[in-house]
């Protein structure tokens, strides 16, 4: 996510979750407009594990951000300070951008959650637009009354660092008191499922045991619903970059994220 400026229920195995995502591409929503895409329809089968649940998927950054610095550099209030509306994200040494990575993982994750009965909302409709701002992304989750919000990212740390970590909101008294504890449960559930499903280690350069708490991220500070960020790997590290550049491995990442969300909501 570095910036280039301009006790779980496991009835579904990882193999089953991967099967659910078979044949699903990265772009699950038409690229016709810049507003958030319509949510998937409510679940019709009450017996499904996520029936009645709403999950918001936030694919970090956007493909048009780099060409609109005046928009993404605009400062917005994130409670603990003022930060840019959005950023361009990072990329691998081979040029695979974070915004494309997050969009593809989100596109693979959405149908898995839908087939488990969840109503799914994305914070952006394609990978060609600008933004939305971190404040707007948080608002989308709040307005949807999401049972879980998962913001997908790839880190841009020093090449020697490798592994993934999950970021959870720190306590901001009077603002997010009610969601800190459930967000931490969500964070642990996603961490455990992602580690098990992908085999990737916890980050060796940040966080502790794959978990970090921060109070400087607008998407977490402004959320009134359980929310986390996941840095799925370090895109500047050759080993992590190879995994993150693989469509098959991204499908595995999506299935692992789905398992974590399911375990939290179950």
Protein backbone atom coordinates (compact mmCIF):
# COMPACT_ATOMS: atom_id res chain seq x y z
CA UNK A 1 0.00 0.00 0.00
CA UNK A 2 3.05 2.29 -0.28
CA UNK A 3 2.38 5.19 -2.65
CA UNK A 4 3.80 6.17 -6.02
CA UNK A 5 2.81 9.87 -6.14
CA UNK A 6 1.91 11.51 -9.68
CA UNK A 7 -12.93 -20.78 16.89
CA UNK A 8 -14.09 -20.99 13.26
CA UNK A 9 -16.69 -22.89 11.28
CA UNK A 10 -14.90 -24.62 8.42
CA UNK A 11 -17.45 -26.88 6.77
CA UNK A 12 -16.36 -25.56 3.36
CA UNK A 13 -12.78 -26.57 2.62
CA UNK A 14 -10.39 -24.37 0.69
CA UNK A 15 -10.77 -26.72 -2.26
CA UNK A 16 -14.54 -26.19 -2.18
CA UNK A 17 -14.11 -22.43 -2.05
CA UNK A 18 -11.71 -22.57 -4.97
CA UNK A 19 -14.27 -24.59 -6.88
CA UNK A 20 -16.88 -21.91 -6.23
CA UNK A 21 -14.60 -19.37 -7.88
CA UNK A 22 -13.82 -21.51 -10.93
CA UNK A 23 -14.38 -19.63 -14.14
CA UNK A 24 -14.73 -16.23 -12.43
CA UNK A 25 -12.59 -13.45 -13.84
CA UNK A 26 -11.33 -10.35 -12.08
CA UNK A 27 -13.91 -7.95 -13.48
CA UNK A 28 -17.20 -8.95 -11.94
CA UNK A 29 -18.92 -5.62 -12.64
CA UNK A 30 -19.37 -3.69 -15.93
CA UNK A 31 -17.09 -0.68 -16.36
CA UNK A 32 -19.84 1.70 -17.39
CA UNK A 33 -19.89 4.23 -14.57
CA UNK A 34 -17.87 5.51 -11.65
CA UNK A 35 -20.45 5.18 -8.88
CA UNK A 36 -20.30 2.14 -6.63
CA UNK A 37 -21.79 -0.87 -8.42
CA UNK A 38 -25.12 -2.32 -7.41
CA UNK A 39 -25.03 -4.87 -4.66
CA UNK A 40 -25.73 -8.47 -5.37
CA UNK A 41 -29.35 -9.45 -4.71
CA UNK A 42 -30.34 -10.66 -1.24
CA UNK A 43 -29.84 -14.34 -0.65
CA UNK A 44 -32.81 -16.47 -1.66
CA UNK A 45 -31.82 -19.58 0.26
CA UNK A 46 -31.89 -19.12 4.06
CA UNK A 47 -29.88 -22.30 4.58
CA UNK A 48 -26.73 -20.88 3.01
CA UNK A 49 -23.97 -20.04 5.52
CA UNK A 50 -23.96 -16.28 4.79
CA UNK A 51 -27.66 -15.81 4.05
CA UNK A 52 -28.81 -12.43 5.34
CA UNK A 53 -25.25 -11.08 5.66
CA UNK A 54 -23.83 -8.09 3.80
CA UNK A 55 -20.13 -7.96 2.93
CA UNK A 56 -18.43 -4.89 1.49
CA UNK A 57 -15.29 -5.53 -0.57
CA UNK A 58 -13.00 -2.54 -0.99
CA UNK A 59 -10.40 -3.05 -3.76
CA UNK A 60 -7.68 -0.54 -2.91
CA UNK A 61 -6.80 2.39 -5.22
CA UNK A 62 -8.04 2.65 -8.85
CA UNK A 63 -6.63 2.54 -12.36
CA UNK A 64 -7.29 6.19 -13.17
CA UNK A 65 -5.78 7.67 -10.02
CA UNK A 66 -2.34 8.37 -11.47
CA UNK A 67 -3.74 10.60 -14.21
CA UNK A 68 -5.78 12.73 -11.79
CA UNK A 69 -3.35 13.92 -9.09
CA UNK A 70 -5.44 17.00 -8.35
CA UNK A 71 -8.30 14.77 -7.24
CA UNK A 72 -6.49 12.05 -5.35
CA UNK A 73 -4.14 14.49 -3.59
CA UNK A 74 -7.05 16.51 -2.22
CA UNK A 75 -6.92 16.35 1.57
CA UNK A 76 -9.82 14.83 3.51
CA UNK A 77 -10.53 14.53 7.23
CA UNK A 78 -9.84 11.07 8.69
CA UNK A 79 -10.48 12.08 12.34
CA UNK A 80 -6.83 11.81 13.38
CA UNK A 81 -5.66 14.22 10.71
CA UNK A 82 -5.97 15.13 7.04
CA UNK A 83 -4.78 12.75 4.35
CA UNK A 84 -4.97 12.49 0.55
CA UNK A 85 -8.35 11.47 -0.83
CA UNK A 86 -6.71 8.40 -2.37
CA UNK A 87 -3.35 7.23 -3.74
CA UNK A 88 -1.98 5.42 -6.76
CA UNK A 89 -0.67 2.43 -4.85
CA UNK A 90 2.45 0.42 -5.56
CA UNK A 91 3.46 -2.17 -8.17
CA UNK A 92 5.78 -5.12 -8.71
CA UNK A 93 9.19 -4.61 -10.29
CA UNK A 94 7.69 -6.07 -13.47
CA UNK A 95 5.03 -3.35 -13.50
CA UNK A 96 1.94 -5.21 -12.22
CA UNK A 97 0.04 -2.46 -10.36
CA UNK A 98 -1.60 -2.77 -6.99
CA UNK A 99 -4.90 -1.38 -8.27
CA UNK A 100 -5.14 -4.20 -10.83
CA UNK A 101 -4.17 -6.80 -8.23
CA UNK A 102 -6.83 -5.66 -5.75
CA UNK A 103 -9.51 -5.45 -8.44
CA UNK A 104 -8.81 -8.98 -9.64
CA UNK A 105 -8.83 -10.47 -6.14
CA UNK A 106 -12.10 -8.64 -5.39
CA UNK A 107 -13.61 -10.00 -8.61
CA UNK A 108 -12.69 -13.53 -7.61
CA UNK A 109 -13.88 -13.07 -4.02
CA UNK A 110 -17.32 -11.66 -4.82
CA UNK A 111 -18.88 -14.77 -6.46
CA UNK A 112 -17.59 -17.04 -3.71
CA UNK A 113 -19.32 -14.95 -1.07
CA UNK A 114 -22.47 -14.68 -3.18
CA UNK A 115 -22.67 -18.44 -3.58
CA UNK A 116 -22.50 -18.70 0.21
CA UNK A 117 -25.56 -16.45 0.35
CA UNK A 118 -24.03 -13.05 1.10
CA UNK A 119 -25.13 -9.75 -0.35
CA UNK A 120 -21.93 -8.20 -1.71
CA UNK A 121 -21.16 -4.52 -2.30
CA UNK A 122 -18.02 -3.23 -4.05
CA UNK A 123 -16.65 0.25 -3.40
CA UNK A 124 -15.78 0.82 -7.08
CA UNK A 125 -17.31 -0.54 -10.31
CA UNK A 126 -14.19 -1.01 -12.43
CA UNK A 127 -10.43 -0.49 -12.57
CA UNK A 128 -10.47 2.54 -14.86
CA UNK A 129 -11.91 5.24 -12.61
CA UNK A 130 -10.63 7.72 -10.05
CA UNK A 131 -11.05 7.19 -6.31
CA UNK A 132 -13.40 7.06 -4.59
CA UNK A 133 -11.92 8.90 -1.61
CA UNK A 134 -11.20 6.94 1.53
CA UNK A 135 -14.06 8.83 3.19
CA UNK A 136 -16.48 7.68 0.49
CA UNK A 137 -15.26 4.10 0.72
CA UNK A 138 -15.99 4.07 4.44
CA UNK A 139 -19.40 5.62 3.83
CA UNK A 140 -20.31 2.86 1.36
CA UNK A 141 -19.75 0.23 4.06
CA UNK A 142 -21.64 2.28 6.63
CA UNK A 143 -24.63 2.91 4.39
CA UNK A 144 -24.79 -0.79 3.46
CA UNK A 145 -24.78 -1.66 7.18
CA UNK A 146 -22.13 -4.20 6.32
CA UNK A 147 -21.59 -7.17 8.60
CA UNK A 148 -17.96 -7.14 7.45
CA UNK A 149 -15.80 -4.79 5.38
CA UNK A 150 -12.60 -6.13 3.80
CA UNK A 151 -10.22 -3.67 2.14
CA UNK A 152 -7.76 -5.45 -0.16
CA UNK A 153 -4.22 -4.12 -0.70
CA UNK A 154 -0.67 -5.07 -1.61
CA UNK A 155 2.24 -3.49 0.25
CA UNK A 156 5.21 -1.66 -1.22
CA UNK A 157 7.87 -2.17 1.43
CA UNK A 158 11.61 -2.79 1.03
CA UNK A 159 12.34 -5.82 -1.19
CA UNK A 160 13.81 -7.74 1.75
CA UNK A 161 10.44 -7.80 3.51
CA UNK A 162 7.96 -10.54 2.74
CA UNK A 163 4.66 -11.93 3.98
CA UNK A 164 1.18 -10.56 4.67
CA UNK A 165 -0.47 -8.69 7.51
CA UNK A 166 -3.94 -7.57 8.55
CA UNK A 167 -4.58 -4.03 9.80
CA UNK A 168 -7.33 -3.40 12.35
CA UNK A 169 -8.74 -0.11 13.68
CA UNK A 170 -7.36 1.37 16.89
CA UNK A 171 -9.72 2.88 19.42
CA UNK A 172 -10.85 6.46 18.79
CA UNK A 173 -13.11 7.20 21.78
CA UNK A 174 -16.46 8.58 20.72
CA UNK A 175 -16.02 7.50 17.11
CA UNK A 176 -15.52 3.75 16.71
CA UNK A 177 -15.96 2.31 20.21
CA UNK A 178 -18.58 -0.22 19.09
CA UNK A 179 -16.62 -1.71 16.19
CA UNK A 180 -13.10 -2.09 17.56
CA UNK A 181 -13.68 -5.49 19.17
CA UNK A 182 -15.63 -7.08 16.28
CA UNK A 183 -13.08 -5.67 13.84
CA UNK A 184 -10.34 -7.41 15.78
CA UNK A 185 -12.27 -10.67 15.66
CA UNK A 186 -12.68 -10.19 11.91
CA UNK A 187 -8.97 -9.47 11.62
CA UNK A 188 -7.98 -12.64 13.45
CA UNK A 189 -10.42 -14.76 11.44
CA UNK A 190 -9.11 -13.43 8.12
CA UNK A 191 -5.49 -13.73 9.23
CA UNK A 192 -5.89 -17.36 10.24
CA UNK A 193 -7.77 -18.37 7.11
CA UNK A 194 -5.39 -16.51 4.80
CA UNK A 195 -2.33 -18.09 6.41
CA UNK A 196 -3.88 -21.54 6.20
CA UNK A 197 -5.23 -21.18 2.69
CA UNK A 198 -2.29 -19.50 0.97
CA UNK A 199 0.62 -20.78 3.03
CA UNK A 200 2.07 -17.28 3.06
CA UNK A 201 3.93 -16.29 6.25
CA UNK A 202 3.20 -13.34 8.48
CA UNK A 203 5.06 -10.21 7.40
CA UNK A 204 8.63 -10.15 8.72
CA UNK A 205 8.99 -6.36 8.50
CA UNK A 206 5.86 -4.95 10.13
CA UNK A 207 3.07 -5.95 12.52
CA UNK A 208 3.25 -8.82 14.99
CA UNK A 209 1.96 -12.30 14.23
CA UNK A 210 0.33 -10.88 11.12
CA UNK A 211 -1.75 -8.28 12.99
CA UNK A 212 -1.37 -4.52 13.28
CA UNK A 213 -3.51 -1.77 14.80
CA UNK A 214 -3.52 1.71 13.23
CA UNK A 215 -5.38 4.98 13.75
CA UNK A 216 -4.24 6.83 10.62
CA UNK A 217 -6.32 5.08 7.95
CA UNK A 218 -9.55 6.82 6.99
CA UNK A 219 -11.20 3.63 5.78
CA UNK A 220 -10.89 2.19 9.29
CA UNK A 221 -11.28 5.37 11.37
CA UNK A 222 -14.54 6.33 9.68
CA UNK A 223 -16.13 2.89 9.61
CA UNK A 224 -19.11 2.22 11.85
CA UNK A 225 -19.07 -1.44 10.77
CA UNK A 226 -16.49 -4.19 11.46
CA UNK A 227 -13.65 -3.43 9.05
CA UNK A 228 -10.10 -4.49 8.27
CA UNK A 229 -7.38 -3.93 5.68
CA UNK A 230 -5.26 -6.82 4.44
CA UNK A 231 -1.86 -6.30 2.85
CA UNK A 232 -1.88 -9.54 0.87
CA UNK A 233 1.89 -9.53 0.39
CA UNK A 234 4.78 -7.20 -0.42
CA UNK A 235 4.70 -6.41 -4.13
CA UNK A 236 8.33 -5.26 -4.02
CA UNK A 237 9.54 -8.63 -2.79
CA UNK A 238 10.32 -11.04 -5.68
CA UNK A 239 8.76 -14.08 -4.00
CA UNK A 240 5.56 -12.32 -2.94
CA UNK A 241 5.35 -10.56 -6.30
CA UNK A 242 5.47 -13.88 -8.15
CA UNK A 243 2.53 -15.19 -6.13
CA UNK A 244 0.53 -11.97 -6.44
CA UNK A 245 1.12 -11.90 -10.22
CA UNK A 246 -0.29 -15.42 -10.65
CA UNK A 247 -4.02 -15.63 -11.53
CA UNK A 248 -4.19 -19.09 -9.95
CA UNK A 249 -2.64 -17.87 -6.72
CA UNK A 250 -4.94 -14.83 -6.65
CA UNK A 251 -7.86 -17.26 -6.83
CA UNK A 252 -6.39 -19.02 -3.81
CA UNK A 253 -6.09 -15.70 -2.00
CA UNK A 254 -9.74 -14.93 -2.72
CA UNK A 255 -10.89 -18.33 -1.47
CA UNK A 256 -8.87 -17.84 1.70
CA UNK A 257 -10.38 -14.40 2.32
CA UNK A 258 -13.85 -15.87 1.81
CA UNK A 259 -13.11 -18.56 4.38
CA UNK A 260 -12.03 -15.91 6.88
CA UNK A 261 -15.17 -13.83 6.36
CA UNK A 262 -17.34 -16.94 6.64
CA UNK A 263 -15.68 -18.00 9.87
CA UNK A 264 -16.16 -14.54 11.36
CA UNK A 265 -19.82 -14.28 10.35
CA UNK A 266 -20.62 -17.83 11.37
